[in-house]
Structures are given as C-alpha cells and as structure tokens.
PDB file of N, CA and C in Angstrom:
ATOM      1  N   UNK A   1      95.488  88.798 115.058  1.00  0.00           N
ATOM      2  CA  UNK A   1      96.304  88.370 113.633  1.00  0.00           C
ATOM      3  C   UNK A   1      96.832  86.664 113.739  1.00  0.00           C
ATOM      4  N   UNK A   2      96.100  85.712 113.486  1.00  0.00           N
ATOM      5  CA  UNK A   2      96.404  84.309 113.812  1.00  0.00           C
ATOM      6  C   UNK A   2      97.418  83.734 112.195  1.00  0.00           C
ATOM      7  N   UNK A   3      97.987  82.997 112.799  1.00  0.00           N
ATOM      8  CA  UNK A   3      99.267  82.206 111.593  1.00  0.00           C
ATOM      9  C   UNK A   3      98.530  81.013 111.368  1.00  0.00           C
ATOM     10  N   UNK A   4      97.579  80.491 110.863  1.00  0.00           N
ATOM     11  CA  UNK A   4      96.424  79.093 110.021  1.00  0.00           C
ATOM     12  C   UNK A   4      97.498  78.885 109.172  1.00  0.00           C
ATOM     13  N   UNK A   5      99.246  78.856 108.293  1.00  0.00           N
ATOM     14  CA  UNK A   5      99.660  78.410 107.262  1.00  0.00           C
ATOM     15  C   UNK A   5      99.876  77.188 107.591  1.00  0.00           C
ATOM     16  N   UNK A   6     100.931  77.137 108.208  1.00  0.00           N
ATOM     17  CA  UNK A   6     101.285  75.965 107.984  1.00  0.00           C
ATOM     18  C   UNK A   6     102.826  76.712 107.935  1.00  0.00           C
ATOM     19  N   UNK A   7     103.125  77.916 107.735  1.00  0.00           N
ATOM     20  CA  UNK A   7     103.836  78.636 107.467  1.00  0.00           C
ATOM     21  C   UNK A   7     104.911  79.724 107.936  1.00  0.00           C
ATOM     22  N   UNK A   8     106.207  79.284 108.862  1.00  0.00           N
ATOM     23  CA  UNK A   8     107.061  80.144 110.230  1.00  0.00           C
ATOM     24  C   UNK A   8     107.350  81.302 109.329  1.00  0.00           C
ATOM     25  N   UNK A   9     106.417  82.121 110.576  1.00  0.00           N
ATOM     26  CA  UNK A   9     106.701  83.773 109.972  1.00  0.00           C
ATOM     27  C   UNK A   9     106.713  84.476 109.443  1.00  0.00           C
ATOM     28  N   UNK A  10     104.557  84.114 109.235  1.00  0.00           N
ATOM     29  CA  UNK A  10     104.158  85.099 108.075  1.00  0.00           C
ATOM     30  C   UNK A  10     103.763  86.108 109.149  1.00  0.00           C
ATOM     31  N   UNK A  11     102.843  85.530 110.586  1.00  0.00           N
ATOM     32  CA  UNK A  11     102.272  86.251 111.303  1.00  0.00           C
ATOM     33  C   UNK A  11     102.796  87.344 111.820  1.00  0.00           C
ATOM     34  N   UNK A  12     104.213  87.187 111.787  1.00  0.00           N
ATOM     35  CA  UNK A  12     105.516  88.609 112.246  1.00  0.00           C
ATOM     36  C   UNK A  12     105.599  88.999 111.019  1.00  0.00           C
ATOM     37  N   UNK A  13     105.546  88.610 109.955  1.00  0.00           N
ATOM     38  CA  UNK A  13     105.421  89.666 108.558  1.00  0.00           C
ATOM     39  C   UNK A  13     104.204  89.939 108.021  1.00  0.00           C
ATOM     40  N   UNK A  14     102.906  89.940 108.538  1.00  0.00           N
ATOM     41  CA  UNK A  14     101.945  90.220 108.532  1.00  0.00           C
ATOM     42  C   UNK A  14     101.568  91.354 109.271  1.00  0.00           C
ATOM     43  N   UNK A  15     101.967  91.577 110.573  1.00  0.00           N
ATOM     44  CA  UNK A  15     102.267  92.042 111.692  1.00  0.00           C
ATOM     45  C   UNK A  15     102.528  93.934 111.294  1.00  0.00           C
ATOM     46  N   UNK A  16     104.344  93.160 111.104  1.00  0.00           N
ATOM     47  CA  UNK A  16     104.778  94.659 110.159  1.00  0.00           C
ATOM     48  C   UNK A  16     103.856  95.167 108.987  1.00  0.00           C
ATOM     49  N   UNK A  17     103.456  94.308 108.726  1.00  0.00           N
ATOM     50  CA  UNK A  17     102.777  94.817 107.090  1.00  0.00           C
ATOM     51  C   UNK A  17     101.669  95.967 107.919  1.00  0.00           C
ATOM     52  N   UNK A  18     101.085  95.400 108.395  1.00  0.00           N
ATOM     53  CA  UNK A  18     100.105  96.166 108.715  1.00  0.00           C
ATOM     54  C   UNK A  18     100.236  97.692 110.182  1.00  0.00           C
ATOM     55  N   UNK A  19     101.361  97.417 110.582  1.00  0.00           N
ATOM     56  CA  UNK A  19     101.847  98.615 111.259  1.00  0.00           C
ATOM     57  C   UNK A  19     102.107  99.770 110.290  1.00  0.00           C
ATOM     58  N   UNK A  20     103.429  99.431 109.571  1.00  0.00           N
ATOM     59  CA  UNK A  20     103.827 100.092 108.052  1.00  0.00           C
ATOM     60  C   UNK A  20     102.724 101.404 107.872  1.00  0.00           C
ATOM     61  N   UNK A  21     101.207 100.409 107.533  1.00  0.00           N
ATOM     62  CA  UNK A  21     100.197 101.350 107.017  1.00  0.00           C
ATOM     63  C   UNK A  21      99.274 101.723 107.990  1.00  0.00           C
ATOM     64  N   UNK A  22      99.871 101.488 108.932  1.00  0.00           N
ATOM     65  CA  UNK A  22      99.122 102.754 109.982  1.00  0.00           C
ATOM     66  C   UNK A  22      97.929 102.230 110.983  1.00  0.00           C
ATOM     67  N   UNK A  23      97.466 100.232 110.793  1.00  0.00           N
ATOM     68  CA  UNK A  23      97.316  99.435 111.410  1.00  0.00           C
ATOM     69  C   UNK A  23      97.449  99.155 113.807  1.00  0.00           C
ATOM     70  N   UNK A  24      96.743  99.480 114.343  1.00  0.00           N
ATOM     71  CA  UNK A  24      96.973  99.170 115.601  1.00  0.00           C
ATOM     72  C   UNK A  24      96.955  97.451 115.610  1.00  0.00           C
ATOM     73  N   UNK A  25      97.821  96.549 115.196  1.00  0.00           N
ATOM     74  CA  UNK A  25      97.960  94.764 115.702  1.00  0.00           C
ATOM     75  C   UNK A  25      98.376  94.710 117.477  1.00  0.00           C
ATOM     76  N   UNK A  26      97.577  94.283 118.071  1.00  0.00           N
ATOM     77  CA  UNK A  26      97.343  94.041 120.079  1.00  0.00           C
ATOM     78  C   UNK A  26      98.088  92.830 119.731  1.00  0.00           C
ATOM     79  N   UNK A  27      98.208  91.498 119.112  1.00  0.00           N
ATOM     80  CA  UNK A  27      98.724  89.649 119.277  1.00  0.00           C
ATOM     81  C   UNK A  27      98.825  89.378 117.854  1.00  0.00           C
ATOM     82  N   UNK A  28      99.372  88.872 117.267  1.00  0.00           N
ATOM     83  CA  UNK A  28      99.846  87.998 116.782  1.00  0.00           C
ATOM     84  C   UNK A  28     100.237  86.882 116.998  1.00  0.00           C
ATOM     85  N   UNK A  29     100.422  85.745 116.392  1.00  0.00           N
ATOM     86  CA  UNK A  29     100.605  84.825 116.555  1.00  0.00           C
ATOM     87  C   UNK A  29     100.023  83.078 115.825  1.00  0.00           C
ATOM     88  N   UNK A  30     100.608  82.097 116.193  1.00  0.00           N
ATOM     89  CA  UNK A  30      99.654  80.582 115.765  1.00  0.00           C
ATOM     90  C   UNK A  30      98.328  80.725 116.129  1.00  0.00           C
ATOM     91  N   UNK A  31      97.813  79.890 114.795  1.00  0.00           N
ATOM     92  CA  UNK A  31      96.343  78.933 114.673  1.00  0.00           C
ATOM     93  C   UNK A  31      96.554  78.313 115.790  1.00  0.00           C
ATOM     94  N   UNK A  32      95.196  77.810 116.894  1.00  0.00           N
ATOM     95  CA  UNK A  32      95.401  76.807 116.847  1.00  0.00           C
ATOM     96  C   UNK A  32      94.463  75.224 116.204  1.00  0.00           C
ATOM     97  N   UNK A  33      95.005  74.276 115.839  1.00  0.00           N
ATOM     98  CA  UNK A  33      94.533  73.174 115.094  1.00  0.00           C
ATOM     99  C   UNK A  33      94.701  73.171 113.791  1.00  0.00           C
ATOM    100  N   UNK A  34      94.677  72.711 113.040  1.00  0.00           N
ATOM    101  CA  UNK A  34      94.535  72.412 111.675  1.00  0.00           C
ATOM    102  C   UNK A  34      94.997  73.758 110.617  1.00  0.00           C
ATOM    103  N   UNK A  35      95.818  73.508 109.736  1.00  0.00           N
ATOM    104  CA  UNK A  35      96.343  74.870 108.847  1.00  0.00           C
ATOM    105  C   UNK A  35      94.897  74.829 108.187  1.00  0.00           C
ATOM    106  N   UNK A  36      94.535  76.088 107.726  1.00  0.00           N
ATOM    107  CA  UNK A  36      94.030  76.649 106.315  1.00  0.00           C
ATOM    108  C   UNK A  36      94.508  76.997 105.174  1.00  0.00           C
ATOM    109  N   UNK A  37      93.703  76.518 104.753  1.00  0.00           N
ATOM    110  CA  UNK A  37      94.246  77.034 103.084  1.00  0.00           C
ATOM    111  C   UNK A  37      93.694  78.144 102.421  1.00  0.00           C
ATOM    112  N   UNK A  38      92.462  79.174 103.327  1.00  0.00           N
ATOM    113  CA  UNK A  38      92.603  80.282 102.559  1.00  0.00           C
ATOM    114  C   UNK A  38      92.284  81.527 103.366  1.00  0.00           C
ATOM    115  N   UNK A  39      92.731  82.917 103.618  1.00  0.00           N
ATOM    116  CA  UNK A  39      92.845  83.536 104.480  1.00  0.00           C
ATOM    117  C   UNK A  39      91.789  84.428 104.547  1.00  0.00           C
ATOM    118  N   UNK A  40      91.414  84.749 105.881  1.00  0.00           N
ATOM    119  CA  UNK A  40      89.849  85.726 105.573  1.00  0.00           C
ATOM    120  C   UNK A  40      91.104  86.923 107.020  1.00  0.00           C
ATOM    121  N   UNK A  41      89.743  87.801 106.864  1.00  0.00           N
ATOM    122  CA  UNK A  41      90.025  89.228 107.750  1.00  0.00           C
ATOM    123  C   UNK A  41      88.599  89.056 108.587  1.00  0.00           C
ATOM    124  N   UNK A  42      88.156  88.559 109.303  1.00  0.00           N
ATOM    125  CA  UNK A  42      86.819  88.634 110.113  1.00  0.00           C
ATOM    126  C   UNK A  42      86.511  90.299 110.524  1.00  0.00           C
ATOM    127  N   UNK A  43      85.126  91.012 110.425  1.00  0.00           N
ATOM    128  CA  UNK A  43      85.044  91.992 110.722  1.00  0.00           C
ATOM    129  C   UNK A  43      84.215  91.345 112.018  1.00  0.00           C
ATOM    130  N   UNK A  44      84.930  92.077 113.399  1.00  0.00           N
ATOM    131  CA  UNK A  44      84.185  91.304 115.030  1.00  0.00           C
ATOM    132  C   UNK A  44      83.261  92.655 115.486  1.00  0.00           C
ATOM    133  N   UNK A  45      83.427  93.893 115.190  1.00  0.00           N
ATOM    134  CA  UNK A  45      82.378  95.125 115.163  1.00  0.00           C
ATOM    135  C   UNK A  45      81.251  95.625 114.977  1.00  0.00           C
ATOM    136  N   UNK A  46      81.368  95.121 113.340  1.00  0.00           N
ATOM    137  CA  UNK A  46      79.930  95.701 112.709  1.00  0.00           C
ATOM    138  C   UNK A  46      80.755  96.510 111.827  1.00  0.00           C
ATOM    139  N   UNK A  47      81.654  97.392 111.426  1.00  0.00           N
ATOM    140  CA  UNK A  47      82.596  97.992 110.835  1.00  0.00           C
ATOM    141  C   UNK A  47      83.115  97.084 109.557  1.00  0.00           C
ATOM    142  N   UNK A  48      82.774  96.693 109.114  1.00  0.00           N
ATOM    143  CA  UNK A  48      83.023  96.209 107.599  1.00  0.00           C
ATOM    144  C   UNK A  48      83.603  96.447 107.021  1.00  0.00           C
ATOM    145  N   UNK A  49      84.083  97.798 107.267  1.00  0.00           N
ATOM    146  CA  UNK A  49      84.745  98.606 105.700  1.00  0.00           C
ATOM    147  C   UNK A  49      86.210  98.977 106.788  1.00  0.00           C
ATOM    148  N   UNK A  50      85.955  98.505 107.701  1.00  0.00           N
ATOM    149  CA  UNK A  50      87.189  98.594 108.793  1.00  0.00           C
ATOM    150  C   UNK A  50      88.440  97.368 108.535  1.00  0.00           C
ATOM    151  N   UNK A  51      87.595  96.756 108.763  1.00  0.00           N
ATOM    152  CA  UNK A  51      87.899  94.969 108.074  1.00  0.00           C
ATOM    153  C   UNK A  51      88.818  95.189 106.278  1.00  0.00           C
ATOM    154  N   UNK A  52      87.683  95.912 105.560  1.00  0.00           N
ATOM    155  CA  UNK A  52      88.163  95.850 104.320  1.00  0.00           C
ATOM    156  C   UNK A  52      89.135  96.195 103.812  1.00  0.00           C
ATOM    157  N   UNK A  53      89.541  97.338 104.509  1.00  0.00           N
ATOM    158  CA  UNK A  53      91.084  97.773 104.913  1.00  0.00           C
ATOM    159  C   UNK A  53      92.454  97.347 105.141  1.00  0.00           C
ATOM    160  N   UNK A  54      92.195  96.527 105.948  1.00  0.00           N
ATOM    161  CA  UNK A  54      93.286  95.200 106.190  1.00  0.00           C
ATOM    162  C   UNK A  54      92.905  94.457 105.684  1.00  0.00           C
ATOM    163  N   UNK A  55      91.849  93.973 104.948  1.00  0.00           N
ATOM    164  CA  UNK A  55      92.127  92.693 103.975  1.00  0.00           C
ATOM    165  C   UNK A  55      93.191  93.479 102.635  1.00  0.00           C
ATOM    166  N   UNK A  56      93.106  94.218 102.674  1.00  0.00           N
ATOM    167  CA  UNK A  56      93.807  95.714 101.593  1.00  0.00           C
ATOM    168  C   UNK A  56      94.755  95.535 101.601  1.00  0.00           C
ATOM    169  N   UNK A  57      95.190  96.098 103.065  1.00  0.00           N
ATOM    170  CA  UNK A  57      96.432  95.584 102.724  1.00  0.00           C
ATOM    171  C   UNK A  57      97.299  94.881 102.843  1.00  0.00           C
ATOM    172  N   UNK A  58      96.980  93.652 103.092  1.00  0.00           N
ATOM    173  CA  UNK A  58      97.212  92.750 103.020  1.00  0.00           C
ATOM    174  C   UNK A  58      97.276  91.657 101.745  1.00  0.00           C
ATOM    175  N   UNK A  59      96.239  91.747 100.845  1.00  0.00           N
ATOM    176  CA  UNK A  59      95.677  91.807  99.957  1.00  0.00           C
ATOM    177  C   UNK A  59      95.320  90.202 100.183  1.00  0.00           C
ATOM    178  N   UNK A  60      94.400  90.404 101.055  1.00  0.00           N
ATOM    179  CA  UNK A  60      92.972  89.583 101.701  1.00  0.00           C
ATOM    180  C   UNK A  60      91.260  89.815 101.296  1.00  0.00           C
ATOM    181  N   UNK A  61      90.925  89.177 100.228  1.00  0.00           N
ATOM    182  CA  UNK A  61      89.677  89.537 100.273  1.00  0.00           C
ATOM    183  C   UNK A  61      88.412  89.080 100.301  1.00  0.00           C
ATOM    184  N   UNK A  62      89.454  87.689 101.352  1.00  0.00           N
ATOM    185  CA  UNK A  62      87.824  87.343 102.374  1.00  0.00           C
ATOM    186  C   UNK A  62      87.735  88.076 103.159  1.00  0.00           C
ATOM    187  N   UNK A  63      86.958  89.200 103.131  1.00  0.00           N
ATOM    188  CA  UNK A  63      86.563  89.609 104.328  1.00  0.00           C
ATOM    189  C   UNK A  63      84.514  89.485 104.650  1.00  0.00           C
ATOM    190  N   UNK A  64      84.824  88.912 105.987  1.00  0.00           N
ATOM    191  CA  UNK A  64      83.074  88.992 106.386  1.00  0.00           C
ATOM    192  C   UNK A  64      83.149  89.103 108.090  1.00  0.00           C
ATOM    193  N   UNK A  65      81.543  89.376 108.557  1.00  0.00           N
ATOM    194  CA  UNK A  65      81.499  89.939 109.756  1.00  0.00           C
ATOM    195  C   UNK A  65      81.381  88.726 110.263  1.00  0.00           C
ATOM    196  N   UNK A  66      81.638  88.659 111.673  1.00  0.00           N
ATOM    197  CA  UNK A  66      82.137  87.591 112.254  1.00  0.00           C
ATOM    198  C   UNK A  66      82.155  87.769 113.538  1.00  0.00           C
ATOM    199  N   UNK A  67      80.649  88.685 114.409  1.00  0.00           N
ATOM    200  CA  UNK A  67      80.687  89.650 116.046  1.00  0.00           C
ATOM    201  C   UNK A  67      81.344  88.752 116.762  1.00  0.00           C
ATOM    202  N   UNK A  68      82.206  89.242 117.611  1.00  0.00           N
ATOM    203  CA  UNK A  68      82.237  89.078 118.622  1.00  0.00           C
ATOM    204  C   UNK A  68      83.183  89.310 119.157  1.00  0.00           C
ATOM    205  N   UNK A  69      82.008  90.915 119.736  1.00  0.00           N
ATOM    206  CA  UNK A  69      82.640  91.474 121.111  1.00  0.00           C
ATOM    207  C   UNK A  69      83.789  90.880 122.518  1.00  0.00           C
ATOM    208  N   UNK A  70      83.698  90.101 122.945  1.00  0.00           N
ATOM    209  CA  UNK A  70      84.635  89.726 123.163  1.00  0.00           C
ATOM    210  C   UNK A  70      86.069  89.216 123.145  1.00  0.00           C
ATOM    211  N   UNK A  71      86.333  89.745 122.025  1.00  0.00           N
ATOM    212  CA  UNK A  71      88.012  89.915 121.966  1.00  0.00           C
ATOM    213  C   UNK A  71      88.366  90.809 121.299  1.00  0.00           C
ATOM    214  N   UNK A  72      87.539  92.266 121.859  1.00  0.00           N
ATOM    215  CA  UNK A  72      88.027  93.718 121.586  1.00  0.00           C
ATOM    216  C   UNK A  72      88.959  94.305 120.800  1.00  0.00           C
ATOM    217  N   UNK A  73      89.095  93.752 119.400  1.00  0.00           N
ATOM    218  CA  UNK A  73      89.388  94.158 118.335  1.00  0.00           C
ATOM    219  C   UNK A  73      88.377  94.622 117.608  1.00  0.00           C
ATOM    220  N   UNK A  74      88.738  95.225 116.636  1.00  0.00           N
ATOM    221  CA  UNK A  74      88.168  95.472 115.326  1.00  0.00           C
ATOM    222  C   UNK A  74      87.446  94.642 114.474  1.00  0.00           C
ATOM    223  N   UNK A  75      89.081  94.159 114.209  1.00  0.00           N
ATOM    224  CA  UNK A  75      88.705  93.138 112.927  1.00  0.00           C
ATOM    225  C   UNK A  75      90.489  91.973 113.572  1.00  0.00           C
ATOM    226  N   UNK A  76      89.625  90.742 112.841  1.00  0.00           N
ATOM    227  CA  UNK A  76      90.864  89.157 113.304  1.00  0.00           C
ATOM    228  C   UNK A  76      91.786  88.830 112.179  1.00  0.00           C
ATOM    229  N   UNK A  77      92.457  89.119 111.386  1.00  0.00           N
ATOM    230  CA  UNK A  77      93.217  88.291 110.909  1.00  0.00           C
ATOM    231  C   UNK A  77      93.434  86.854 110.698  1.00  0.00           C
ATOM    232  N   UNK A  78      93.416  85.288 110.040  1.00  0.00           N
ATOM    233  CA  UNK A  78      93.687  84.330 109.963  1.00  0.00           C
ATOM    234  C   UNK A  78      94.339  84.346 108.331  1.00  0.00           C
ATOM    235  N   UNK A  79      95.932  83.679 108.702  1.00  0.00           N
ATOM    236  CA  UNK A  79      96.583  84.129 107.242  1.00  0.00           C
ATOM    237  C   UNK A  79      96.512  82.202 106.845  1.00  0.00           C
ATOM    238  N   UNK A  80      95.871  81.381 105.593  1.00  0.00           N
ATOM    239  CA  UNK A  80      95.859  80.780 105.208  1.00  0.00           C
ATOM    240  C   UNK A  80      96.925  80.472 104.137  1.00  0.00           C
ATOM    241  N   UNK A  81      97.416  79.429 104.370  1.00  0.00           N
ATOM    242  CA  UNK A  81      98.470  78.798 103.056  1.00  0.00           C
ATOM    243  C   UNK A  81      98.339  79.654 101.300  1.00  0.00           C
ATOM    244  N   UNK A  82      97.196  80.218 101.059  1.00  0.00           N
ATOM    245  CA  UNK A  82      97.899  80.776 100.120  1.00  0.00           C
ATOM    246  C   UNK A  82      97.488  82.744 100.000  1.00  0.00           C
ATOM    247  N   UNK A  83      98.398  83.002 101.521  1.00  0.00           N
ATOM    248  CA  UNK A  83      99.174  83.848 101.948  1.00  0.00           C
ATOM    249  C   UNK A  83     100.593  83.890 101.708  1.00  0.00           C
ATOM    250  N   UNK A  84     100.919  84.824 100.887  1.00  0.00           N
ATOM    251  CA  UNK A  84     102.307  83.742  99.697  1.00  0.00           C
ATOM    252  C   UNK A  84     103.209  85.182 101.122  1.00  0.00           C
ATOM    253  N   UNK A  85     102.752  86.217 101.875  1.00  0.00           N
ATOM    254  CA  UNK A  85     103.813  86.694 103.020  1.00  0.00           C
ATOM    255  C   UNK A  85     103.883  88.165 102.345  1.00  0.00           C
ATOM    256  N   UNK A  86     105.289  88.853 102.745  1.00  0.00           N
ATOM    257  CA  UNK A  86     104.950  90.600 101.441  1.00  0.00           C
ATOM    258  C   UNK A  86     105.787  89.928 100.054  1.00  0.00           C
ATOM    259  N   UNK A  87     105.650  90.362  98.808  1.00  0.00           N
ATOM    260  CA  UNK A  87     106.770  89.977  98.205  1.00  0.00           C
ATOM    261  C   UNK A  87     107.510  91.616  97.686  1.00  0.00           C
ATOM    262  N   UNK A  88     108.920  91.512  97.821  1.00  0.00           N
ATOM    263  CA  UNK A  88     109.684  92.567  97.956  1.00  0.00           C
ATOM    264  C   UNK A  88     110.169  92.485  96.397  1.00  0.00           C
TER     265      UNK A  88
END
C-alpha cells in the first residue's frame, strides 16, 4: 500500500482500515516519484474480485489487473490525492 497523495499519514490510515476489514497488509509507505491525483487498486495475480473487495473497503472505484507475481501480493493499493481518508 503506497501513499502517492502528498498528504502525510494516509498509508497508515488506509492500512488500519484494511486490517479492520480483515485484510492482511504486508507493507505500507510512501510512493516514489510525483504525486498522483487518482487512487487505484491493482490486481496482481488475476483475482479481480479480491482486488475489488479491497477497493470497496477503501472507497476506491478504480480497480484494474496489472499482473506482477514478483510482488508476492494479491493486490497493490496506490493512494492518490482524491482519497480523503476515513471520515468519522
């Protein structure tokens, strides 16, 4: 789970939200490079429905398949500046 929003702390907030919903988050941190406007979930192993479940838990509608078995995860999350965090 990578924070590409430029807003500090969002990766931790998203990680906590996913863990509360039963997802195993193996890594979170800041994304290298420029900030992104749009958040997305990437299906890494051909399980699009599982990636959609992650997107639903975070309110991210952009879900696509980008296979990458070297990452050893089912899905990757990239938070953009459109992700507001968890509203309480």
